[in-house]
Amino acid sequence: MSQQKGPLPRFSEIHVRMALDLVAKHGRVGRKQLTEELGVGEGSIRTILNQLKERGLITSSRGGHALTAKGRRSLGKPFELIQVDVGSLTVDKVNVATIVRGAAAKVKRGIEQRDEAIKVGATGATVLIFRGGKLQFPDGFLKVGKRSTEVLMKSFNPREGDVIIIGSARDVVTAEAGAKAAARSLASLRY
């Protein structure tokens, strides 16, 4: 009979990445602020920060947590995130979109990206591929409405093979987290 070491973590790998992003955004940030912005408990934040320190991505001091040179390199290029109104194209009232350039070949059915968004608390994620000069769902059968297409084309100016992901939730922070989580499932992570 094996013994379990404490409770299961209440965060995912995307929360670790989001914590790293927040440290980068603020330059130096305290544990309490990270707890509030990520929406996870203080115990989870301690574990996340310890993981980032063990990986050599952050340093900690009384003044807060800051990125190391390795941490800055691991961030790569940030995702472009835009809050969009695409009507009934998505599953909730707040929608944040991003684009992953040249990732169409990595999309299977789009369900995998939706699942990644849900894991971080989003209601879902809508995946659209730019093929043949138009936006379409991965299955190629469902049509994207004219108004939604105009909004997304103007916002991102996609090229052949690009993927637009729209994270949906009841609030902007969670919709953004959903879009990032779904996009990262297509982009290569280096941390």
Protein backbone atom coordinates (compact mmCIF):
# COMPACT_ATOMS: atom_id res chain seq x y z
CA MET A 1 0.00 0.00 0.00
CA SER A 2 1.51 3.34 -1.02
CA GLN A 3 1.05 6.52 0.91
CA GLN A 4 0.16 9.76 -0.82
CA LYS A 5 2.23 12.83 0.02
CA GLY A 6 -0.32 15.54 0.77
CA PRO A 7 -3.18 16.81 -1.39
CA LEU A 8 -3.08 16.82 -5.15
CA PRO A 9 -2.00 20.13 -6.67
CA ARG A 10 -4.78 22.52 -7.63
CA PHE A 11 -2.92 23.99 -10.58
CA SER A 12 -1.67 22.82 -13.94
CA GLU A 13 1.48 23.41 -15.98
CA ILE A 14 -0.24 26.36 -17.64
CA HIS A 15 -0.44 28.06 -14.22
CA VAL A 16 3.32 27.64 -13.92
CA ARG A 17 3.74 29.31 -17.31
CA MET A 18 1.26 32.06 -16.41
CA ALA A 19 3.20 32.74 -13.19
CA LEU A 20 6.35 33.10 -15.25
CA ASP A 21 4.53 35.49 -17.60
CA LEU A 22 3.32 37.57 -14.64
CA VAL A 23 6.80 37.80 -13.15
CA ALA A 24 8.01 39.04 -16.55
CA LYS A 25 5.14 41.52 -16.83
CA HIS A 26 5.73 43.06 -13.39
CA GLY A 27 9.52 42.82 -13.30
CA ARG A 28 9.41 41.94 -9.62
CA VAL A 29 6.30 40.56 -7.97
CA GLY A 30 5.26 39.22 -4.59
CA ARG A 31 3.60 35.92 -3.77
CA LYS A 32 0.35 37.57 -2.65
CA GLN A 33 -0.06 39.43 -5.95
CA LEU A 34 0.62 36.22 -7.90
CA THR A 35 -1.98 34.40 -5.81
CA GLU A 36 -4.59 37.05 -6.62
CA GLU A 37 -3.79 37.33 -10.32
CA LEU A 38 -3.59 33.58 -10.97
CA GLY A 39 -6.59 32.67 -8.85
CA VAL A 40 -4.90 29.74 -7.11
CA GLY A 41 -4.20 29.21 -3.42
CA GLU A 42 -1.11 30.39 -1.58
CA GLY A 43 0.14 26.82 -1.16
CA SER A 44 -0.07 26.30 -4.91
CA ILE A 45 1.80 29.56 -5.52
CA ARG A 46 4.59 28.42 -3.19
CA THR A 47 4.87 25.16 -5.12
CA ILE A 48 4.83 26.97 -8.48
CA LEU A 49 7.53 29.41 -7.34
CA ASN A 50 9.65 26.54 -6.04
CA GLN A 51 9.35 24.78 -9.41
CA LEU A 52 10.38 27.94 -11.25
CA LYS A 53 13.36 28.41 -8.90
CA GLU A 54 14.42 24.75 -9.32
CA ARG A 55 14.34 25.23 -13.10
CA GLY A 56 16.52 28.33 -12.71
CA LEU A 57 13.88 30.61 -14.22
CA ILE A 58 13.35 33.00 -11.28
CA THR A 59 15.15 34.31 -8.23
CA SER A 60 13.48 35.25 -4.96
CA SER A 61 14.26 37.94 -2.43
CA ARG A 62 12.41 40.01 0.16
CA GLY A 63 11.44 42.39 -2.65
CA GLY A 64 9.66 39.64 -4.59
CA HIS A 65 10.38 37.29 -7.45
CA ALA A 66 12.21 38.23 -10.66
CA LEU A 67 13.23 36.48 -13.86
CA THR A 68 16.72 35.13 -14.40
CA ALA A 69 18.39 35.35 -17.82
CA LYS A 70 17.28 31.76 -18.44
CA GLY A 71 13.74 32.75 -17.47
CA ARG A 72 13.73 35.61 -19.99
CA ARG A 73 14.99 33.29 -22.74
CA SER A 74 12.32 30.69 -21.92
CA LEU A 75 9.50 33.16 -22.49
CA GLY A 76 10.01 33.28 -26.22
CA LYS A 77 7.75 35.57 -28.21
CA PRO A 78 4.57 36.53 -26.31
CA PHE A 79 1.16 35.79 -27.77
CA GLU A 80 -0.78 38.70 -29.22
CA LEU A 81 -4.07 38.75 -27.30
CA ILE A 82 -7.13 40.75 -28.30
CA GLN A 83 -10.56 40.84 -26.69
CA VAL A 84 -13.06 40.27 -29.51
CA ASP A 85 -16.81 40.31 -30.02
CA VAL A 86 -17.60 37.47 -32.40
CA GLY A 87 -21.27 37.01 -31.57
CA SER A 88 -22.49 33.43 -31.35
CA LEU A 89 -19.28 31.91 -32.72
CA THR A 90 -18.13 31.05 -29.19
CA VAL A 91 -19.58 29.54 -26.02
CA ASP A 92 -19.45 32.41 -23.50
CA LYS A 93 -19.81 36.18 -23.23
CA VAL A 94 -16.14 37.21 -22.93
CA ASN A 95 -13.74 36.18 -25.69
CA VAL A 96 -10.02 36.71 -26.09
CA ALA A 97 -8.34 35.69 -29.35
CA THR A 98 -4.75 34.96 -30.30
CA ILE A 99 -2.98 33.69 -33.39
CA VAL A 100 -0.43 30.89 -33.76
CA ARG A 101 1.43 31.40 -37.00
CA GLY A 102 1.85 28.37 -39.26
CA ALA A 103 0.35 25.86 -36.82
CA ALA A 104 -2.53 24.50 -38.94
CA ALA A 105 -0.82 21.13 -39.48
CA LYS A 106 -0.72 20.61 -35.68
CA VAL A 107 -4.50 20.96 -35.29
CA LYS A 108 -6.39 17.67 -35.31
CA ARG A 109 -10.02 18.42 -34.46
CA GLY A 110 -9.60 21.46 -32.20
CA ILE A 111 -10.95 19.51 -29.24
CA GLU A 112 -7.45 19.20 -27.82
CA GLN A 113 -7.13 22.99 -27.68
CA ARG A 114 -10.60 23.33 -26.17
CA ASP A 115 -9.63 20.84 -23.45
CA GLU A 116 -6.48 22.81 -22.60
CA ALA A 117 -8.57 25.96 -22.21
CA ILE A 118 -11.05 24.19 -19.96
CA LYS A 119 -8.22 22.88 -17.75
CA VAL A 120 -7.38 26.47 -16.76
CA GLY A 121 -10.99 27.41 -16.02
CA ALA A 122 -12.18 28.76 -19.36
CA THR A 123 -15.57 27.70 -20.71
CA GLY A 124 -13.92 26.62 -23.95
CA ALA A 125 -11.85 27.56 -26.96
CA THR A 126 -12.82 27.98 -30.58
CA VAL A 127 -10.17 26.98 -33.12
CA LEU A 128 -10.16 28.45 -36.62
CA ILE A 129 -7.70 27.74 -39.43
CA PHE A 130 -6.87 30.11 -42.27
CA ARG A 131 -6.92 27.99 -45.45
CA GLY A 132 -7.55 28.90 -49.03
CA GLY A 133 -7.96 32.56 -48.17
CA LYS A 134 -10.69 32.06 -45.56
CA LEU A 135 -11.21 31.19 -41.91
CA GLN A 136 -12.70 27.79 -41.24
CA PHE A 137 -13.24 25.28 -38.49
CA PRO A 138 -10.79 22.35 -38.40
CA ASP A 139 -13.40 19.99 -39.91
CA GLY A 140 -13.79 22.34 -42.89
CA PHE A 141 -17.59 21.88 -42.90
CA LEU A 142 -18.90 24.48 -40.48
CA LYS A 143 -18.88 28.04 -41.76
CA VAL A 144 -17.58 31.11 -39.92
CA GLY A 145 -20.00 34.04 -40.18
CA LYS A 146 -19.15 37.13 -42.19
CA ARG A 147 -19.09 39.51 -39.18
CA SER A 148 -16.84 37.21 -37.13
CA THR A 149 -14.54 36.71 -40.10
CA GLU A 150 -14.23 40.48 -40.61
CA VAL A 151 -13.38 41.09 -36.95
CA LEU A 152 -10.73 38.35 -36.83
CA MET A 153 -9.21 39.14 -40.25
CA LYS A 154 -8.83 42.80 -39.31
CA SER A 155 -7.37 41.96 -35.89
CA PHE A 156 -4.79 39.39 -36.98
CA ASN A 157 -4.28 39.55 -40.76
CA PRO A 158 -3.77 35.76 -40.93
CA ARG A 159 -1.69 34.00 -43.56
CA GLU A 160 -2.15 30.54 -45.06
CA GLY A 161 -1.76 27.89 -42.34
CA ASP A 162 -2.25 30.23 -39.37
CA VAL A 163 -4.53 29.26 -36.49
CA ILE A 164 -6.73 31.68 -34.55
CA ILE A 165 -7.82 30.52 -31.12
CA ILE A 166 -10.56 32.24 -29.15
CA GLY A 167 -10.66 31.53 -25.41
CA SER A 168 -14.10 31.99 -23.87
CA ALA A 169 -15.10 32.59 -20.25
CA ARG A 170 -17.17 34.82 -17.98
CA ASP A 171 -14.24 37.18 -17.37
CA VAL A 172 -11.30 38.53 -19.36
CA VAL A 173 -8.54 36.99 -17.22
CA THR A 174 -9.94 33.47 -17.57
CA ALA A 175 -10.69 33.90 -21.29
CA GLU A 176 -7.10 35.07 -21.79
CA ALA A 177 -5.78 32.09 -19.81
CA GLY A 178 -7.88 29.78 -21.98
CA ALA A 179 -6.59 31.31 -25.21
CA LYS A 180 -2.99 31.06 -24.00
CA ALA A 181 -3.36 27.46 -22.82
CA ALA A 182 -4.95 26.41 -26.10
CA ALA A 183 -2.32 28.27 -28.15
CA ARG A 184 0.55 26.76 -26.17
CA SER A 185 -0.69 23.30 -27.06
CA LEU A 186 0.24 24.21 -30.66
CA ALA A 187 3.37 26.29 -30.00
CA SER A 188 6.61 24.74 -28.84
CA LEU A 189 7.39 25.42 -25.19
CA ARG A 190 10.98 25.80 -24.05
CA TYR A 191 10.81 25.83 -20.26
